[in-house]
C-alpha atoms as a PDB file:
ATOM      1  CA  UNK A   1     -14.640  13.879  -5.679  1.00  0.00           C
ATOM      2  CA  UNK A   2     -11.698  12.693  -3.643  1.00  0.00           C
ATOM      3  CA  UNK A   3      -9.307  15.160  -2.055  1.00  0.00           C
ATOM      4  CA  UNK A   4      -5.560  14.681  -1.750  1.00  0.00           C
ATOM      5  CA  UNK A   5      -5.927  14.151   1.985  1.00  0.00           C
ATOM      6  CA  UNK A   6      -8.589  11.478   1.547  1.00  0.00           C
ATOM      7  CA  UNK A   7      -6.651   9.546  -1.067  1.00  0.00           C
ATOM      8  CA  UNK A   8      -3.498   9.742   1.055  1.00  0.00           C
ATOM      9  CA  UNK A   9      -5.364   8.247   4.016  1.00  0.00           C
ATOM     10  CA  UNK A  10      -6.766   5.421   1.900  1.00  0.00           C
ATOM     11  CA  UNK A  11      -3.427   4.745   0.170  1.00  0.00           C
ATOM     12  CA  UNK A  12      -0.723   5.686   2.712  1.00  0.00           C
ATOM     13  CA  UNK A  13       2.053   4.184   0.556  1.00  0.00           C
ATOM     14  CA  UNK A  14       1.253   6.332  -2.480  1.00  0.00           C
ATOM     15  CA  UNK A  15       3.994   8.979  -2.939  1.00  0.00           C
ATOM     16  CA  UNK A  16       2.695  12.547  -3.019  1.00  0.00           C
ATOM     17  CA  UNK A  17       4.079  13.248  -6.489  1.00  0.00           C
ATOM     18  CA  UNK A  18       2.310  10.227  -7.951  1.00  0.00           C
ATOM     19  CA  UNK A  19      -0.851  11.024  -6.008  1.00  0.00           C
ATOM     20  CA  UNK A  20      -0.966  14.519  -7.497  1.00  0.00           C
ATOM     21  CA  UNK A  21      -0.355  13.109 -10.981  1.00  0.00           C
ATOM     22  CA  UNK A  22      -3.146  10.532 -10.785  1.00  0.00           C
ATOM     23  CA  UNK A  23      -5.832  12.248  -8.712  1.00  0.00           C
ATOM     24  CA  UNK A  24      -7.263  14.579 -11.408  1.00  0.00           C
ATOM     25  CA  UNK A  25      -7.630  11.689 -13.871  1.00  0.00           C
ATOM     26  CA  UNK A  26      -9.089   9.451 -11.177  1.00  0.00           C
ATOM     27  CA  UNK A  27     -11.691  12.057 -10.197  1.00  0.00           C
ATOM     28  CA  UNK A  28     -12.550  12.744 -13.841  1.00  0.00           C
ATOM     29  CA  UNK A  29     -13.106   9.047 -14.548  1.00  0.00           C
ATOM     30  CA  UNK A  30     -15.296   8.650 -11.474  1.00  0.00           C
ATOM     31  CA  UNK A  31     -17.420  11.609 -12.539  1.00  0.00           C
ATOM     32  CA  UNK A  32     -17.813  10.353 -16.122  1.00  0.00           C
ATOM     33  CA  UNK A  33     -18.689   6.800 -15.091  1.00  0.00           C
ATOM     34  CA  UNK A  34     -20.961   7.818 -12.199  1.00  0.00           C
ATOM     35  CA  UNK A  35     -18.822   6.636  -9.308  1.00  0.00           C
ATOM     36  CA  UNK A  36     -20.263   9.598  -7.448  1.00  0.00           C
ATOM     37  CA  UNK A  37     -21.541   8.390  -4.069  1.00  0.00           C
ATOM     38  CA  UNK A  38     -19.454   7.519  -1.003  1.00  0.00           C
ATOM     39  CA  UNK A  39     -20.397   3.828  -1.261  1.00  0.00           C
ATOM     40  CA  UNK A  40     -19.460   3.630  -4.935  1.00  0.00           C
ATOM     41  CA  UNK A  41     -16.261   5.571  -4.347  1.00  0.00           C
ATOM     42  CA  UNK A  42     -15.195   3.372  -1.420  1.00  0.00           C
ATOM     43  CA  UNK A  43     -15.699   0.161  -3.386  1.00  0.00           C
ATOM     44  CA  UNK A  44     -14.036   1.528  -6.535  1.00  0.00           C
ATOM     45  CA  UNK A  45     -10.972   2.905  -4.736  1.00  0.00           C
ATOM     46  CA  UNK A  46     -10.583  -0.260  -2.654  1.00  0.00           C
ATOM     47  CA  UNK A  47     -10.512  -2.480  -5.737  1.00  0.00           C
ATOM     48  CA  UNK A  48      -8.124  -0.185  -7.604  1.00  0.00           C
ATOM     49  CA  UNK A  49      -5.827   0.071  -4.589  1.00  0.00           C
ATOM     50  CA  UNK A  50      -5.506  -3.684  -4.371  1.00  0.00           C
ATOM     51  CA  UNK A  51      -5.273  -4.380  -8.100  1.00  0.00           C
ATOM     52  CA  UNK A  52      -2.573  -1.750  -8.714  1.00  0.00           C
ATOM     53  CA  UNK A  53      -0.705  -1.912  -5.398  1.00  0.00           C
ATOM     54  CA  UNK A  54      -1.737   1.662  -4.596  1.00  0.00           C
ATOM     55  CA  UNK A  55      -1.054   2.751  -8.192  1.00  0.00           C
ATOM     56  CA  UNK A  56       2.437   1.235  -8.231  1.00  0.00           C
ATOM     57  CA  UNK A  57       1.686  -0.991 -11.214  1.00  0.00           C
ATOM     58  CA  UNK A  58      -0.126   0.451 -14.205  1.00  0.00           C
ATOM     59  CA  UNK A  59       1.011  -2.353 -16.477  1.00  0.00           C
ATOM     60  CA  UNK A  60       1.794  -6.021 -16.133  1.00  0.00           C
ATOM     61  CA  UNK A  61       5.471  -6.878 -15.658  1.00  0.00           C
ATOM     62  CA  UNK A  62       6.421  -9.104 -18.562  1.00  0.00           C
ATOM     63  CA  UNK A  63       8.665 -12.127 -18.044  1.00  0.00           C
ATOM     64  CA  UNK A  64       7.347 -13.878 -19.910  1.00  0.00           C
ATOM     65  CA  UNK A  65       6.156 -16.274 -17.251  1.00  0.00           C
ATOM     66  CA  UNK A  66       4.589 -19.630 -18.077  1.00  0.00           C
ATOM     67  CA  UNK A  67       1.157 -18.081 -17.538  1.00  0.00           C
ATOM     68  CA  UNK A  68       1.956 -15.135 -19.796  1.00  0.00           C
ATOM     69  CA  UNK A  69       3.101 -17.441 -22.577  1.00  0.00           C
ATOM     70  CA  UNK A  70      -0.476 -18.679 -22.702  1.00  0.00           C
ATOM     71  CA  UNK A  71      -1.473 -15.213 -23.996  1.00  0.00           C
ATOM     72  CA  UNK A  72       0.394 -15.990 -27.197  1.00  0.00           C
ATOM     73  CA  UNK A  73      -1.406 -17.699 -30.087  1.00  0.00           C
ATOM     74  CA  UNK A  74      -2.256 -20.420 -30.740  1.00  0.00           C
ATOM     75  CA  UNK A  75      -4.092 -21.600 -27.649  1.00  0.00           C
ATOM     76  CA  UNK A  76      -7.454 -21.393 -25.909  1.00  0.00           C
ATOM     77  CA  UNK A  77      -6.563 -18.420 -23.682  1.00  0.00           C
ATOM     78  CA  UNK A  78      -5.059 -16.486 -26.580  1.00  0.00           C
ATOM     79  CA  UNK A  79      -8.202 -17.185 -28.591  1.00  0.00           C
ATOM     80  CA  UNK A  80     -10.458 -15.914 -25.792  1.00  0.00           C
ATOM     81  CA  UNK A  81      -8.351 -12.756 -25.506  1.00  0.00           C
ATOM     82  CA  UNK A  82      -8.531 -12.182 -29.243  1.00  0.00           C
ATOM     83  CA  UNK A  83      -4.763 -12.506 -29.667  1.00  0.00           C
ATOM     84  CA  UNK A  84      -4.236 -13.660 -33.237  1.00  0.00           C
ATOM     85  CA  UNK A  85      -0.763 -12.484 -34.204  1.00  0.00           C
ATOM     86  CA  UNK A  86       2.677 -13.461 -32.875  1.00  0.00           C
ATOM     87  CA  UNK A  87       3.654 -11.051 -30.092  1.00  0.00           C
ATOM     88  CA  UNK A  88       0.054 -10.150 -29.220  1.00  0.00           C
ATOM     89  CA  UNK A  89       0.532 -11.530 -25.708  1.00  0.00           C
ATOM     90  CA  UNK A  90       3.144  -8.962 -24.774  1.00  0.00           C
ATOM     91  CA  UNK A  91       1.662  -6.244 -26.999  1.00  0.00           C
ATOM     92  CA  UNK A  92      -1.707  -6.485 -25.277  1.00  0.00           C
ATOM     93  CA  UNK A  93      -0.568  -7.395 -21.756  1.00  0.00           C
ATOM     94  CA  UNK A  94      -2.515  -6.098 -18.746  1.00  0.00           C
ATOM     95  CA  UNK A  95      -2.581  -2.308 -18.413  1.00  0.00           C
ATOM     96  CA  UNK A  96      -4.426   0.129 -16.166  1.00  0.00           C
ATOM     97  CA  UNK A  97      -5.412  -0.098 -12.473  1.00  0.00           C
ATOM     98  CA  UNK A  98      -8.003  -2.752 -13.415  1.00  0.00           C
ATOM     99  CA  UNK A  99      -5.896  -4.362 -16.086  1.00  0.00           C
ATOM    100  CA  UNK A 100      -7.440  -4.849 -19.481  1.00  0.00           C
ATOM    101  CA  UNK A 101      -5.718  -7.694 -21.314  1.00  0.00           C
ATOM    102  CA  UNK A 102      -5.806  -9.015 -24.883  1.00  0.00           C
ATOM    103  CA  UNK A 103      -6.424  -7.568 -28.323  1.00  0.00           C
ATOM    104  CA  UNK A 104     -10.194  -8.075 -27.964  1.00  0.00           C
ATOM    105  CA  UNK A 105     -10.427  -5.935 -24.815  1.00  0.00           C
ATOM    106  CA  UNK A 106      -8.089  -3.257 -26.127  1.00  0.00           C
ATOM    107  CA  UNK A 107     -10.341  -2.890 -29.170  1.00  0.00           C
ATOM    108  CA  UNK A 108     -13.547  -3.048 -27.123  1.00  0.00           C
ATOM    109  CA  UNK A 109     -12.588  -0.375 -24.606  1.00  0.00           C
ATOM    110  CA  UNK A 110     -10.716   1.725 -27.145  1.00  0.00           C
ATOM    111  CA  UNK A 111     -13.785   1.837 -29.387  1.00  0.00           C
ATOM    112  CA  UNK A 112     -16.039   2.742 -26.459  1.00  0.00           C
ATOM    113  CA  UNK A 113     -13.722   5.623 -25.516  1.00  0.00           C
ATOM    114  CA  UNK A 114     -13.088   6.686 -29.112  1.00  0.00           C
ATOM    115  CA  UNK A 115      -9.330   5.986 -29.126  1.00  0.00           C
ATOM    116  CA  UNK A 116      -7.286   3.396 -31.014  1.00  0.00           C
ATOM    117  CA  UNK A 117      -5.747   1.299 -28.266  1.00  0.00           C
ATOM    118  CA  UNK A 118      -4.959  -1.497 -30.728  1.00  0.00           C
ATOM    119  CA  UNK A 119      -2.652   0.783 -32.710  1.00  0.00           C
ATOM    120  CA  UNK A 120      -1.062   2.201 -29.551  1.00  0.00           C
ATOM    121  CA  UNK A 121      -1.567  -0.222 -26.616  1.00  0.00           C
ATOM    122  CA  UNK A 122       0.784   1.754 -24.324  1.00  0.00           C
ATOM    123  CA  UNK A 123      -1.889   4.463 -24.050  1.00  0.00           C
ATOM    124  CA  UNK A 124      -3.827   2.143 -21.749  1.00  0.00           C
ATOM    125  CA  UNK A 125      -1.177   2.633 -19.051  1.00  0.00           C
ATOM    126  CA  UNK A 126      -1.189   6.461 -19.113  1.00  0.00           C
ATOM    127  CA  UNK A 127      -3.159   8.109 -16.262  1.00  0.00           C
ATOM    128  CA  UNK A 128      -5.712   9.696 -18.580  1.00  0.00           C
ATOM    129  CA  UNK A 129      -6.690   6.438 -20.264  1.00  0.00           C
ATOM    130  CA  UNK A 130      -5.852   4.003 -17.441  1.00  0.00           C
ATOM    131  CA  UNK A 131      -8.492   5.422 -15.112  1.00  0.00           C
ATOM    132  CA  UNK A 132     -10.930   5.821 -17.986  1.00  0.00           C
ATOM    133  CA  UNK A 133     -10.732   2.116 -18.838  1.00  0.00           C
ATOM    134  CA  UNK A 134     -11.150   1.248 -15.141  1.00  0.00           C
ATOM    135  CA  UNK A 135     -14.212   3.491 -14.848  1.00  0.00           C
ATOM    136  CA  UNK A 136     -15.692   2.145 -18.058  1.00  0.00           C
ATOM    137  CA  UNK A 137     -15.161  -1.447 -16.967  1.00  0.00           C
ATOM    138  CA  UNK A 138     -16.746  -0.616 -13.601  1.00  0.00           C
ATOM    139  CA  UNK A 139     -19.840   0.955 -15.127  1.00  0.00           C
ATOM    140  CA  UNK A 140     -20.443  -1.530 -17.958  1.00  0.00           C
ATOM    141  CA  UNK A 141     -20.174  -4.506 -15.604  1.00  0.00           C
ATOM    142  CA  UNK A 142     -22.834  -3.168 -13.260  1.00  0.00           C
ATOM    143  CA  UNK A 143     -20.453  -2.545 -10.390  1.00  0.00           C
ATOM    144  CA  UNK A 144     -22.015   0.785  -9.396  1.00  0.00           C
ATOM    145  CA  UNK A 145     -25.253  -1.010  -8.594  1.00  0.00           C
ATOM    146  CA  UNK A 146     -23.412  -3.713  -6.662  1.00  0.00           C
ATOM    147  CA  UNK A 147     -21.564  -1.013  -4.719  1.00  0.00           C
ATOM    148  CA  UNK A 148     -24.889   0.628  -3.838  1.00  0.00           C
ATOM    149  CA  UNK A 149     -25.982  -2.710  -2.350  1.00  0.00           C
ATOM    150  CA  UNK A 150     -22.578  -3.177  -0.652  1.00  0.00           C
ATOM    151  CA  UNK A 151     -22.033  -6.454  -2.517  1.00  0.00           C
ATOM    152  CA  UNK A 152     -18.271  -6.157  -2.239  1.00  0.00           C
ATOM    153  CA  UNK A 153     -17.491  -9.866  -2.578  1.00  0.00           C
ATOM    154  CA  UNK A 154     -19.530 -10.070  -5.779  1.00  0.00           C
ATOM    155  CA  UNK A 155     -17.651  -7.039  -7.129  1.00  0.00           C
ATOM    156  CA  UNK A 156     -14.395  -8.823  -6.350  1.00  0.00           C
ATOM    157  CA  UNK A 157     -15.522 -11.907  -8.263  1.00  0.00           C
ATOM    158  CA  UNK A 158     -16.466  -9.841 -11.311  1.00  0.00           C
ATOM    159  CA  UNK A 159     -13.065  -8.149 -11.355  1.00  0.00           C
ATOM    160  CA  UNK A 160     -10.877 -11.057 -10.285  1.00  0.00           C
ATOM    161  CA  UNK A 161     -12.857 -14.074 -11.430  1.00  0.00           C
ATOM    162  CA  UNK A 162     -12.637 -15.310  -7.841  1.00  0.00           C
ATOM    163  CA  UNK A 163     -11.848 -13.916  -4.421  1.00  0.00           C
ATOM    164  CA  UNK A 164      -8.049 -13.659  -4.560  1.00  0.00           C
ATOM    165  CA  UNK A 165      -6.792 -11.005  -2.159  1.00  0.00           C
ATOM    166  CA  UNK A 166     -10.240 -10.515  -0.645  1.00  0.00           C
ATOM    167  CA  UNK A 167      -8.918  -9.756   2.840  1.00  0.00           C
ATOM    168  CA  UNK A 168      -6.678  -6.979   1.542  1.00  0.00           C
ATOM    169  CA  UNK A 169      -9.445  -5.589  -0.660  1.00  0.00           C
ATOM    170  CA  UNK A 170     -11.796  -5.489   2.319  1.00  0.00           C
ATOM    171  CA  UNK A 171      -9.243  -3.658   4.449  1.00  0.00           C
ATOM    172  CA  UNK A 172      -9.008  -0.953   1.800  1.00  0.00           C
ATOM    173  CA  UNK A 173     -12.803  -0.925   1.568  1.00  0.00           C
ATOM    174  CA  UNK A 174     -13.283  -0.425   5.308  1.00  0.00           C
ATOM    175  CA  UNK A 175     -10.583   2.223   5.377  1.00  0.00           C
ATOM    176  CA  UNK A 176     -12.140   4.079   2.446  1.00  0.00           C
ATOM    177  CA  UNK A 177     -15.585   3.959   4.053  1.00  0.00           C
ATOM    178  CA  UNK A 178     -14.158   5.389   7.264  1.00  0.00           C
ATOM    179  CA  UNK A 179     -12.369   8.203   5.407  1.00  0.00           C
ATOM    180  CA  UNK A 180     -15.557   9.003   3.479  1.00  0.00           C
ATOM    181  CA  UNK A 181     -17.650   9.123   6.646  1.00  0.00           C
ATOM    182  CA  UNK A 182     -19.449   5.798   6.255  1.00  0.00           C
ATOM    183  CA  UNK A 183     -18.250   4.174   9.461  1.00  0.00           C
ATOM    184  CA  UNK A 184     -15.220   3.409  11.548  1.00  0.00           C
ATOM    185  CA  UNK A 185     -12.383   1.370  10.110  1.00  0.00           C
ATOM    186  CA  UNK A 186     -11.628  -1.902  11.934  1.00  0.00           C
ATOM    187  CA  UNK A 187      -8.557  -2.288  14.095  1.00  0.00           C
ATOM    188  CA  UNK A 188      -5.427  -2.683  12.059  1.00  0.00           C
ATOM    189  CA  UNK A 189      -6.986  -1.233   8.913  1.00  0.00           C
ATOM    190  CA  UNK A 190      -4.369   1.503   8.842  1.00  0.00           C
ATOM    191  CA  UNK A 191      -1.545  -1.027   8.641  1.00  0.00           C
ATOM    192  CA  UNK A 192       0.242  -1.083   5.305  1.00  0.00           C
ATOM    193  CA  UNK A 193       1.162  -2.258   2.775  1.00  0.00           C
ATOM    194  CA  UNK A 194      -1.892  -4.355   2.010  1.00  0.00           C
ATOM    195  CA  UNK A 195      -1.659  -5.278  -1.608  1.00  0.00           C
ATOM    196  CA  UNK A 196      -0.170  -8.004  -3.756  1.00  0.00           C
ATOM    197  CA  UNK A 197       3.584  -8.198  -4.103  1.00  0.00           C
ATOM    198  CA  UNK A 198       4.104  -8.511  -0.351  1.00  0.00           C
ATOM    199  CA  UNK A 199       3.520 -12.221   0.147  1.00  0.00           C
ATOM    200  CA  UNK A 200       6.928 -12.653   1.801  1.00  0.00           C
ATOM    201  CA  UNK A 201       6.193  -9.868   4.273  1.00  0.00           C
ATOM    202  CA  UNK A 202       2.820 -11.346   5.146  1.00  0.00           C
ATOM    203  CA  UNK A 203       4.457 -14.744   5.660  1.00  0.00           C
ATOM    204  CA  UNK A 204       6.987 -13.163   8.018  1.00  0.00           C
ATOM    205  CA  UNK A 205       4.212 -11.414   9.912  1.00  0.00           C
ATOM    206  CA  UNK A 206       2.423 -14.736  10.339  1.00  0.00           C
ATOM    207  CA  UNK A 207       5.481 -16.014  12.171  1.00  0.00           C
ATOM    208  CA  UNK A 208       5.793 -12.855  14.248  1.00  0.00           C
ATOM    209  CA  UNK A 209       3.760 -13.873  17.342  1.00  0.00           C
ATOM    210  CA  UNK A 210       6.400 -16.357  18.544  1.00  0.00           C
ATOM    211  CA  UNK A 211       9.118 -13.802  17.923  1.00  0.00           C
ATOM    212  CA  UNK A 212       7.138 -11.176  19.825  1.00  0.00           C
ATOM    213  CA  UNK A 213       6.806 -13.496  22.819  1.00  0.00           C
ATOM    214  CA  UNK A 214      10.552 -13.993  22.894  1.00  0.00           C
ATOM    215  CA  UNK A 215      11.148 -10.254  22.708  1.00  0.00           C
ATOM    216  CA  UNK A 216       8.607  -9.650  25.482  1.00  0.00           C
ATOM    217  CA  UNK A 217      10.310 -12.275  27.635  1.00  0.00           C
ATOM    218  CA  UNK A 218      13.712 -10.693  27.095  1.00  0.00           C
ATOM    219  CA  UNK A 219      12.353  -7.246  27.906  1.00  0.00           C
ATOM    220  CA  UNK A 220      10.668  -8.483  31.071  1.00  0.00           C
ATOM    221  CA  UNK A 221      13.678 -10.484  32.318  1.00  0.00           C
ATOM    222  CA  UNK A 222      16.108  -7.657  33.194  1.00  0.00           C
ATOM    223  CA  UNK A 223      13.651  -5.986  35.558  1.00  0.00           C
ATOM    224  CA  UNK A 224      13.056  -9.228  37.415  1.00  0.00           C
ATOM    225  CA  UNK A 225      16.553 -10.664  37.246  1.00  0.00           C
ATOM    226  CA  UNK A 226      18.601  -7.624  38.145  1.00  0.00           C
ATOM    227  CA  UNK A 227      17.536  -7.481  41.808  1.00  0.00           C
ATOM    228  CA  UNK A 228      18.242 -11.147  42.635  1.00  0.00           C
ATOM    229  CA  UNK A 229      21.537 -10.906  40.741  1.00  0.00           C
ATOM    230  CA  UNK A 230      22.517  -7.865  42.790  1.00  0.00           C
ATOM    231  CA  UNK A 231      21.645  -9.633  46.042  1.00  0.00           C
ATOM    232  CA  UNK A 232      23.645 -12.726  45.123  1.00  0.00           C
ATOM    233  CA  UNK A 233      26.694 -10.654  44.281  1.00  0.00           C
ATOM    234  CA  UNK A 234      26.454  -8.739  47.519  1.00  0.00           C
ATOM    235  CA  UNK A 235      26.039 -11.947  49.454  1.00  0.00           C
ATOM    236  CA  UNK A 236      29.097 -13.524  47.866  1.00  0.00           C
ATOM    237  CA  UNK A 237      31.192 -10.468  48.625  1.00  0.00           C
ATOM    238  CA  UNK A 238      30.001 -10.465  52.230  1.00  0.00           C
ATOM    239  CA  UNK A 239      30.837 -14.136  52.690  1.00  0.00           C
ATOM    240  CA  UNK A 240      34.234 -13.736  51.074  1.00  0.00           C
ATOM    241  CA  UNK A 241      35.294 -10.698  53.101  1.00  0.00           C
ATOM    242  CA  UNK A 242      34.532 -12.095  56.580  1.00  0.00           C
ATOM    243  CA  UNK A 243      36.788 -15.199  56.407  1.00  0.00           C
ATOM    244  CA  UNK A 244      39.667 -13.131  55.046  1.00  0.00           C
ATOM    245  CA  UNK A 245      39.300 -10.565  57.828  1.00  0.00           C
ATOM    246  CA  UNK A 246      39.313 -13.243  60.542  1.00  0.00           C
ATOM    247  CA  UNK A 247      42.206 -15.341  59.232  1.00  0.00           C
ATOM    248  CA  UNK A 248      44.635 -12.504  58.632  1.00  0.00           C
ATOM    249  CA  UNK A 249      45.057 -11.475  62.280  1.00  0.00           C
ATOM    250  CA  UNK A 250      45.381 -15.131  63.355  1.00  0.00           C
ATOM    251  CA  UNK A 251      48.357 -15.639  60.994  1.00  0.00           C
ATOM    252  CA  UNK A 252      50.122 -12.583  62.384  1.00  0.00           C
ATOM    253  CA  UNK A 253      49.810 -13.834  65.940  1.00  0.00           C
ATOM    254  CA  UNK A 254      51.070 -17.287  65.041  1.00  0.00           C
ATOM    255  CA  UNK A 255      54.062 -15.853  63.263  1.00  0.00           C
ATOM    256  CA  UNK A 256      54.950 -13.696  66.274  1.00  0.00           C
END
């Protein structure tokens, strides 16, 4: 079971109030679905942290976007998701830290848990059921066994369908392993935020090296430039004072 301190270290951007709300349900789901070893826990928490933005998003934000409109029948994607009625796309949008999407999945996971998620889809976003669906998905897709073998990339493909966000997922994974005593986290693993929704920040950070060089140059310049500047000023004053001192007496004598 995870402690508050451990989860806070793995997800440093998770507010304490939300952490305390979610942690009991998270631990219960991990116990029920046998996410009970450090390796399984590290992989599970890393994937959830990335997918949900450290539990910021428990349901898909509905636009609808062009992609989300494809959830609506008719259409191939809607058919695969089991969406058969107008409005099913929004009704059965992604919910939970590993988002289940579509009427078919709501029925499948609801039936497995013994609750009617089709009649009340919003239940899938509540902490009790959100972590349960994530744990159930994890177990039924063989992800515990992959976690035992440290096949983290394969786990990512089974959840994501590809390797989107793999670098961020791996940072959470290494951090979680370090917190759980499985090894040291790599340099920079404590930097945050790591998850989706921060593309603009990451783009700005990519440009940062040139900016840092400029800042370093500015910081270094005063220490080097001040001394020569002081010498030049003193030299100018010295040169200016001597001619004035010599000429003044000469004018007085000429006037006399």
